[in-house]
C-alpha atoms as a PDB file:
ATOM      1  CA  MET A   1     -27.018  50.458  64.874  1.00  0.00           C
ATOM      2  CA  SER A   2     -28.825  47.042  64.110  1.00  0.00           C
ATOM      3  CA  ASP A   3     -28.513  44.029  66.557  1.00  0.00           C
ATOM      4  CA  THR A   4     -27.390  42.295  63.051  1.00  0.00           C
ATOM      5  CA  LYS A   5     -24.485  44.683  62.655  1.00  0.00           C
ATOM      6  CA  GLN A   6     -23.203  45.123  66.094  1.00  0.00           C
ATOM      7  CA  LYS A   7     -22.714  41.897  66.324  1.00  0.00           C
ATOM      8  CA  TYR A   8     -21.279  41.452  62.999  1.00  0.00           C
ATOM      9  CA  LEU A   9     -18.397  43.982  63.996  1.00  0.00           C
ATOM     10  CA  LYS A  10     -17.731  42.433  67.278  1.00  0.00           C
ATOM     11  CA  PHE A  11     -17.477  38.685  65.550  1.00  0.00           C
ATOM     12  CA  LYS A  12     -15.318  40.352  63.008  1.00  0.00           C
ATOM     13  CA  ASN A  13     -12.379  41.083  65.288  1.00  0.00           C
ATOM     14  CA  GLN A  14     -12.108  37.672  66.826  1.00  0.00           C
ATOM     15  CA  VAL A  15     -11.001  36.618  63.343  1.00  0.00           C
ATOM     16  CA  PRO A  16      -7.717  36.472  62.046  1.00  0.00           C
ATOM     17  CA  PRO A  17      -7.414  38.860  58.884  1.00  0.00           C
ATOM     18  CA  GLU A  18      -6.160  35.875  57.005  1.00  0.00           C
ATOM     19  CA  VAL A  19      -9.408  33.784  57.335  1.00  0.00           C
ATOM     20  CA  ILE A  20     -12.392  34.085  55.032  1.00  0.00           C
ATOM     21  CA  LEU A  21     -15.294  34.818  56.924  1.00  0.00           C
ATOM     22  CA  VAL A  22     -18.791  33.522  55.090  1.00  0.00           C
ATOM     23  CA  ALA A  23     -21.482  35.134  56.413  1.00  0.00           C
ATOM     24  CA  VAL A  24     -24.223  32.236  56.573  1.00  0.00           C
ATOM     25  CA  SER A  25     -27.586  34.369  55.984  1.00  0.00           C
ATOM     26  CA  LYS A  26     -30.194  31.499  55.234  1.00  0.00           C
ATOM     27  CA  THR A  27     -33.439  32.486  56.324  1.00  0.00           C
ATOM     28  CA  LYS A  28     -32.366  35.487  57.062  1.00  0.00           C
ATOM     29  CA  PRO A  29     -34.162  38.507  55.423  1.00  0.00           C
ATOM     30  CA  GLU A  30     -32.302  40.981  52.688  1.00  0.00           C
ATOM     31  CA  GLU A  31     -32.219  43.744  54.916  1.00  0.00           C
ATOM     32  CA  ASP A  32     -29.573  41.734  57.595  1.00  0.00           C
ATOM     33  CA  ILE A  33     -27.480  41.096  54.580  1.00  0.00           C
ATOM     34  CA  LEU A  34     -27.490  44.752  53.633  1.00  0.00           C
ATOM     35  CA  ASP A  35     -26.376  45.552  57.387  1.00  0.00           C
ATOM     36  CA  LEU A  36     -23.594  43.724  56.473  1.00  0.00           C
ATOM     37  CA  TYR A  37     -23.062  45.017  53.137  1.00  0.00           C
ATOM     38  CA  ASN A  38     -22.870  48.686  53.885  1.00  0.00           C
ATOM     39  CA  GLU A  39     -20.127  47.934  56.569  1.00  0.00           C
ATOM     40  CA  GLY A  40     -17.928  46.403  53.575  1.00  0.00           C
ATOM     41  CA  HIS A  41     -18.739  42.669  53.621  1.00  0.00           C
ATOM     42  CA  ARG A  42     -18.915  40.573  50.461  1.00  0.00           C
ATOM     43  CA  ILE A  43     -18.828  36.956  51.230  1.00  0.00           C
ATOM     44  CA  PHE A  44     -22.588  35.199  52.111  1.00  0.00           C
ATOM     45  CA  GLY A  45     -23.511  32.012  51.945  1.00  0.00           C
ATOM     46  CA  GLU A  46     -26.901  30.279  51.226  1.00  0.00           C
ATOM     47  CA  ASN A  47     -27.629  26.367  51.309  1.00  0.00           C
ATOM     48  CA  LYS A  48     -31.446  26.659  49.488  1.00  0.00           C
ATOM     49  CA  ILE A  49     -31.195  27.495  45.652  1.00  0.00           C
ATOM     50  CA  GLN A  50     -34.310  29.536  45.534  1.00  0.00           C
ATOM     51  CA  ASP A  51     -33.393  31.545  48.255  1.00  0.00           C
ATOM     52  CA  LEU A  52     -30.263  32.308  47.219  1.00  0.00           C
ATOM     53  CA  ALA A  53     -31.647  32.686  43.337  1.00  0.00           C
ATOM     54  CA  LYS A  54     -33.821  35.190  44.918  1.00  0.00           C
ATOM     55  CA  LYS A  55     -31.392  37.156  46.987  1.00  0.00           C
ATOM     56  CA  ALA A  56     -28.757  37.210  44.179  1.00  0.00           C
ATOM     57  CA  GLU A  57     -30.920  39.145  42.128  1.00  0.00           C
ATOM     58  CA  SER A  58     -32.365  41.466  44.384  1.00  0.00           C
ATOM     59  CA  LEU A  59     -29.136  42.398  46.203  1.00  0.00           C
ATOM     60  CA  PRO A  60     -26.094  44.636  45.176  1.00  0.00           C
ATOM     61  CA  LYS A  61     -24.212  42.323  42.286  1.00  0.00           C
ATOM     62  CA  ASP A  62     -20.868  42.895  43.899  1.00  0.00           C
ATOM     63  CA  ILE A  63     -21.625  40.036  46.340  1.00  0.00           C
ATOM     64  CA  GLN A  64     -20.081  36.461  46.318  1.00  0.00           C
ATOM     65  CA  TRP A  65     -22.753  34.235  46.896  1.00  0.00           C
ATOM     66  CA  HIS A  66     -21.199  30.578  47.921  1.00  0.00           C
ATOM     67  CA  MET A  67     -23.760  27.723  47.847  1.00  0.00           C
ATOM     68  CA  ILE A  68     -22.653  25.961  50.976  1.00  0.00           C
ATOM     69  CA  GLY A  69     -25.577  23.208  51.157  1.00  0.00           C
ATOM     70  CA  HIS A  70     -26.040  19.727  49.546  1.00  0.00           C
ATOM     71  CA  LEU A  71     -26.204  20.469  45.644  1.00  0.00           C
ATOM     72  CA  GLN A  72     -28.052  18.353  43.478  1.00  0.00           C
ATOM     73  CA  THR A  73     -27.352  18.539  39.653  1.00  0.00           C
ATOM     74  CA  ASN A  74     -30.961  19.901  38.662  1.00  0.00           C
ATOM     75  CA  LYS A  75     -30.544  22.847  40.573  1.00  0.00           C
ATOM     76  CA  VAL A  76     -26.824  23.910  39.483  1.00  0.00           C
ATOM     77  CA  LYS A  77     -28.618  25.789  36.448  1.00  0.00           C
ATOM     78  CA  PHE A  78     -30.192  28.395  38.596  1.00  0.00           C
ATOM     79  CA  ILE A  79     -26.954  29.300  40.500  1.00  0.00           C
ATOM     80  CA  ALA A  80     -24.637  28.941  37.442  1.00  0.00           C
ATOM     81  CA  PRO A  81     -24.718  32.659  36.251  1.00  0.00           C
ATOM     82  CA  PHE A  82     -23.362  34.316  39.559  1.00  0.00           C
ATOM     83  CA  VAL A  83     -22.348  31.844  42.121  1.00  0.00           C
ATOM     84  CA  SER A  84     -18.912  32.492  43.536  1.00  0.00           C
ATOM     85  CA  LEU A  85     -18.047  29.063  45.096  1.00  0.00           C
ATOM     86  CA  ILE A  86     -19.777  25.752  46.014  1.00  0.00           C
ATOM     87  CA  HIS A  87     -18.732  24.156  49.355  1.00  0.00           C
ATOM     88  CA  ALA A  88     -20.004  20.875  48.545  1.00  0.00           C
ATOM     89  CA  VAL A  89     -19.065  18.696  45.893  1.00  0.00           C
ATOM     90  CA  ASP A  90     -19.134  15.244  46.435  1.00  0.00           C
ATOM     91  CA  SER A  91     -19.491  13.568  43.024  1.00  0.00           C
ATOM     92  CA  MET A  92     -18.310  13.510  39.453  1.00  0.00           C
ATOM     93  CA  LYS A  93     -21.499  13.541  38.306  1.00  0.00           C
ATOM     94  CA  LEU A  94     -22.483  16.880  40.036  1.00  0.00           C
ATOM     95  CA  LEU A  95     -18.830  18.444  39.224  1.00  0.00           C
ATOM     96  CA  ARG A  96     -19.495  17.285  35.067  1.00  0.00           C
ATOM     97  CA  THR A  97     -23.106  19.252  35.520  1.00  0.00           C
ATOM     98  CA  ILE A  98     -21.404  22.297  37.436  1.00  0.00           C
ATOM     99  CA  ASN A  99     -18.749  22.644  34.442  1.00  0.00           C
ATOM    100  CA  LYS A 100     -21.603  22.430  31.764  1.00  0.00           C
ATOM    101  CA  GLU A 101     -23.552  24.937  32.945  1.00  0.00           C
ATOM    102  CA  ALA A 102     -20.396  27.080  33.650  1.00  0.00           C
ATOM    103  CA  GLU A 103     -19.584  26.726  29.989  1.00  0.00           C
ATOM    104  CA  LYS A 104     -22.726  28.168  28.689  1.00  0.00           C
ATOM    105  CA  TYR A 105     -21.893  31.432  30.632  1.00  0.00           C
ATOM    106  CA  ASN A 106     -18.301  31.442  29.801  1.00  0.00           C
ATOM    107  CA  ARG A 107     -17.738  31.188  33.410  1.00  0.00           C
ATOM    108  CA  VAL A 108     -14.962  29.185  35.649  1.00  0.00           C
ATOM    109  CA  ILE A 109     -16.823  28.058  39.035  1.00  0.00           C
ATOM    110  CA  ASP A 110     -14.501  27.385  42.173  1.00  0.00           C
ATOM    111  CA  CYS A 111     -15.470  24.132  44.047  1.00  0.00           C
ATOM    112  CA  LEU A 112     -14.186  22.901  47.255  1.00  0.00           C
ATOM    113  CA  LEU A 113     -14.514  19.144  47.826  1.00  0.00           C
ATOM    114  CA  GLN A 114     -16.695  18.059  50.627  1.00  0.00           C
ATOM    115  CA  VAL A 115     -15.312  15.210  53.116  1.00  0.00           C
ATOM    116  CA  HIS A 116     -17.290  13.116  55.368  1.00  0.00           C
ATOM    117  CA  ILE A 117     -15.246  13.489  58.707  1.00  0.00           C
ATOM    118  CA  ALA A 118     -17.543  13.292  61.524  1.00  0.00           C
ATOM    119  CA  SER A 119     -19.012  10.437  63.000  1.00  0.00           C
ATOM    120  CA  GLU A 120     -22.427  11.042  62.854  1.00  0.00           C
ATOM    121  CA  GLU A 121     -24.182   9.043  59.772  1.00  0.00           C
ATOM    122  CA  THR A 122     -24.117  11.231  56.294  1.00  0.00           C
ATOM    123  CA  LYS A 123     -24.705  10.381  52.894  1.00  0.00           C
ATOM    124  CA  PHE A 124     -22.989  13.425  51.776  1.00  0.00           C
ATOM    125  CA  GLY A 125     -18.780  13.642  51.140  1.00  0.00           C
ATOM    126  CA  LEU A 126     -16.055  11.869  50.163  1.00  0.00           C
ATOM    127  CA  GLY A 127     -14.895   9.213  51.912  1.00  0.00           C
ATOM    128  CA  GLU A 128     -11.339  10.258  53.265  1.00  0.00           C
ATOM    129  CA  ASP A 129      -9.844   7.171  51.263  1.00  0.00           C
ATOM    130  CA  GLU A 130     -11.592   8.724  48.073  1.00  0.00           C
ATOM    131  CA  VAL A 131     -10.407  12.218  48.011  1.00  0.00           C
ATOM    132  CA  GLU A 132      -6.873  11.752  46.402  1.00  0.00           C
ATOM    133  CA  GLY A 133      -8.503   9.535  43.272  1.00  0.00           C
ATOM    134  CA  PHE A 134     -11.385  11.850  42.796  1.00  0.00           C
ATOM    135  CA  LEU A 135      -9.004  14.671  42.523  1.00  0.00           C
ATOM    136  CA  GLU A 136      -7.047  12.509  40.079  1.00  0.00           C
ATOM    137  CA  ASP A 137     -10.122  11.368  37.913  1.00  0.00           C
ATOM    138  CA  VAL A 138     -10.907  15.266  38.013  1.00  0.00           C
ATOM    139  CA  SER A 139      -7.680  15.931  36.415  1.00  0.00           C
ATOM    140  CA  GLU A 140      -7.982  13.158  33.425  1.00  0.00           C
ATOM    141  CA  ALA A 141     -11.471  14.323  32.898  1.00  0.00           C
ATOM    142  CA  ASP A 142      -9.890  17.847  31.856  1.00  0.00           C
ATOM    143  CA  LEU A 143     -13.353  19.900  32.861  1.00  0.00           C
ATOM    144  CA  LYS A 144     -12.222  23.564  31.740  1.00  0.00           C
ATOM    145  CA  ASN A 145     -14.962  25.166  33.629  1.00  0.00           C
ATOM    146  CA  VAL A 146     -14.680  23.996  37.427  1.00  0.00           C
ATOM    147  CA  ARG A 147     -11.966  24.834  39.754  1.00  0.00           C
ATOM    148  CA  ILE A 148     -11.082  22.775  42.331  1.00  0.00           C
ATOM    149  CA  THR A 149      -9.605  25.189  45.247  1.00  0.00           C
ATOM    150  CA  GLY A 150      -9.552  23.131  48.514  1.00  0.00           C
ATOM    151  CA  LEU A 151     -11.572  20.873  50.798  1.00  0.00           C
ATOM    152  CA  MET A 152     -14.694  21.520  52.804  1.00  0.00           C
ATOM    153  CA  GLY A 153     -15.700  19.268  55.932  1.00  0.00           C
ATOM    154  CA  MET A 154     -18.063  19.683  58.968  1.00  0.00           C
ATOM    155  CA  ALA A 155     -17.179  17.930  62.361  1.00  0.00           C
ATOM    156  CA  THR A 156     -19.475  15.870  64.777  1.00  0.00           C
ATOM    157  CA  PHE A 157     -22.022  18.371  66.196  1.00  0.00           C
ATOM    158  CA  THR A 158     -20.945  17.407  69.972  1.00  0.00           C
ATOM    159  CA  ASP A 159     -19.784  18.753  73.390  1.00  0.00           C
ATOM    160  CA  ASN A 160     -16.820  16.498  72.746  1.00  0.00           C
ATOM    161  CA  PHE A 161     -14.332  19.564  71.606  1.00  0.00           C
ATOM    162  CA  GLN A 162     -11.353  17.023  71.344  1.00  0.00           C
ATOM    163  CA  GLN A 163     -13.462  14.887  69.092  1.00  0.00           C
ATOM    164  CA  VAL A 164     -14.106  17.687  67.008  1.00  0.00           C
ATOM    165  CA  ARG A 165     -10.000  18.825  67.190  1.00  0.00           C
ATOM    166  CA  GLU A 166      -8.960  15.361  65.957  1.00  0.00           C
ATOM    167  CA  GLU A 167     -11.528  15.721  63.101  1.00  0.00           C
ATOM    168  CA  PHE A 168     -10.566  19.487  61.875  1.00  0.00           C
ATOM    169  CA  ARG A 169      -6.808  18.023  62.411  1.00  0.00           C
ATOM    170  CA  LYS A 170      -7.627  14.881  59.913  1.00  0.00           C
ATOM    171  CA  LEU A 171      -8.972  17.178  57.426  1.00  0.00           C
ATOM    172  CA  LYS A 172      -6.269  19.314  57.335  1.00  0.00           C
ATOM    173  CA  LEU A 173      -4.098  16.221  57.259  1.00  0.00           C
ATOM    174  CA  ILE A 174      -5.871  15.205  54.331  1.00  0.00           C
ATOM    175  CA  PHE A 175      -5.834  18.651  52.820  1.00  0.00           C
ATOM    176  CA  GLU A 176      -1.931  19.533  53.458  1.00  0.00           C
ATOM    177  CA  GLU A 177      -1.158  16.173  51.330  1.00  0.00           C
ATOM    178  CA  LEU A 178      -3.216  16.656  48.524  1.00  0.00           C
ATOM    179  CA  LYS A 179      -1.833  20.396  48.109  1.00  0.00           C
ATOM    180  CA  GLU A 180       1.756  18.831  48.438  1.00  0.00           C
ATOM    181  CA  LYS A 181       0.717  16.428  45.711  1.00  0.00           C
ATOM    182  CA  ASN A 182      -0.978  18.940  43.511  1.00  0.00           C
ATOM    183  CA  SER A 183       1.810  21.869  44.064  1.00  0.00           C
ATOM    184  CA  GLU A 184       3.297  21.201  40.873  1.00  0.00           C
ATOM    185  CA  THR A 185       0.214  21.481  38.377  1.00  0.00           C
ATOM    186  CA  SER A 186      -2.405  23.374  40.646  1.00  0.00           C
ATOM    187  CA  SER A 187      -1.702  26.529  42.814  1.00  0.00           C
ATOM    188  CA  ASP A 188      -5.415  26.777  43.072  1.00  0.00           C
ATOM    189  CA  PHE A 189      -5.679  24.506  46.007  1.00  0.00           C
ATOM    190  CA  LYS A 190      -5.510  26.504  48.798  1.00  0.00           C
ATOM    191  CA  GLU A 191      -8.838  26.945  50.809  1.00  0.00           C
ATOM    192  CA  LEU A 192      -9.882  24.788  53.831  1.00  0.00           C
ATOM    193  CA  SER A 193     -13.275  25.584  54.504  1.00  0.00           C
ATOM    194  CA  MET A 194     -14.483  24.277  58.232  1.00  0.00           C
ATOM    195  CA  GLY A 195     -15.787  25.491  61.140  1.00  0.00           C
ATOM    196  CA  MET A 196     -18.874  26.933  62.098  1.00  0.00           C
ATOM    197  CA  SER A 197     -21.006  29.188  65.215  1.00  0.00           C
ATOM    198  CA  ASN A 198     -20.231  26.086  67.270  1.00  0.00           C
ATOM    199  CA  ASP A 199     -16.889  25.529  66.627  1.00  0.00           C
ATOM    200  CA  TYR A 200     -14.756  27.716  64.867  1.00  0.00           C
ATOM    201  CA  PRO A 201     -12.453  28.440  67.375  1.00  0.00           C
ATOM    202  CA  ILE A 202     -11.435  24.955  66.751  1.00  0.00           C
ATOM    203  CA  ALA A 203     -11.330  25.235  63.312  1.00  0.00           C
ATOM    204  CA  ILE A 204      -9.113  28.321  63.003  1.00  0.00           C
ATOM    205  CA  GLU A 205      -6.507  26.870  65.624  1.00  0.00           C
ATOM    206  CA  GLU A 206      -6.302  23.561  63.150  1.00  0.00           C
ATOM    207  CA  GLY A 207      -5.843  25.310  60.020  1.00  0.00           C
ATOM    208  CA  ALA A 208      -9.027  26.667  58.606  1.00  0.00           C
ATOM    209  CA  THR A 209      -8.537  29.242  55.566  1.00  0.00           C
ATOM    210  CA  MET A 210     -12.514  29.621  55.678  1.00  0.00           C
ATOM    211  CA  ILE A 211     -15.097  29.756  58.531  1.00  0.00           C
ATOM    212  CA  ARG A 212     -19.123  29.241  58.113  1.00  0.00           C
ATOM    213  CA  ILE A 213     -20.722  31.880  60.840  1.00  0.00           C
ATOM    214  CA  GLY A 214     -24.419  32.430  60.742  1.00  0.00           C
ATOM    215  CA  SER A 215     -26.017  32.534  64.405  1.00  0.00           C
ATOM    216  CA  LEU A 216     -22.989  34.226  66.117  1.00  0.00           C
ATOM    217  CA  ILE A 217     -23.520  37.133  63.551  1.00  0.00           C
ATOM    218  CA  PHE A 218     -27.868  36.763  62.468  1.00  0.00           C
ATOM    219  CA  GLY A 219     -28.659  35.371  65.456  1.00  0.00           C
ATOM    220  CA  GLU A 220     -30.757  32.244  65.617  1.00  0.00           C
ATOM    221  CA  ARG A 221     -32.906  31.115  62.958  1.00  0.00           C
ATOM    222  CA  ASN A 222     -36.668  30.809  62.629  1.00  0.00           C
ATOM    223  CA  TYR A 223     -37.325  27.466  60.221  1.00  0.00           C
ATOM    224  CA  THR A 224     -41.027  27.995  60.224  1.00  0.00           C
ATOM    225  CA  LYS A 225     -41.391  31.008  57.875  1.00  0.00           C
END
C-alpha cells in the first residue's frame, strides 16, 4: 500500500461522515490521485487552471473537480466544461463570466462566495459587510447557469488557535444568517467550506460542511517542480 493511500485511509477515519473531504492534489502527480480514486474517493481540489485542465483530461471522468484557488476571468473558459465547484468567487464580474461560459455547455456551475475573515492582508474575498448585498445583486442579475451553494473562508495562518476559532465562528454566523434569509428562495445554500490541514479540527467543531486537505494526505509539497 502506498504512503499516500495509508495517509488517506487514516485521515478519512477521523472525518465525520457528514463533512465533505476535498483532497487537495495541487502539485501532486496523477498516480497519487489514482491511489485515492481506487479507494473510492472522488472529490479533488486544484488551484492552478493549467494543472486542473490537464488532470481532468487524463483522469477518470467521474472525478468531481473543485477549483479552490483565486480564479481570473480569462481562465474560466478552460474549466467551464467540467468543473464541479468553484470555491472562491469574490466579484460579480467573475460570476457573470462563469455564467456565460457555463451557458455554452448547457451547464449550471456551483459556486461558493469567498469571505475575507483573516487578519492577514489579502486582495481576495468579500468583506463581511458585503456578502448580503452581493447575494441580493446575484438574485437580481438572474444568472441561470450558476448556483451559489454557500461560503468559503480561510482563517489567519497562526498558532493562536483561539483567533482561528473566532474567525471560523464569525464565518459560520454569517453563513447561518444568510441561509435563514434565503431559505424561502433557495435550498441550495448549504455548504460552508473552511478548514485546511493546519486547522481543520477547529473548522469542523465550528460547523464546516467541507474541508480542504492537502499535506496531511499527500505529504509536503515540492513547489520547485
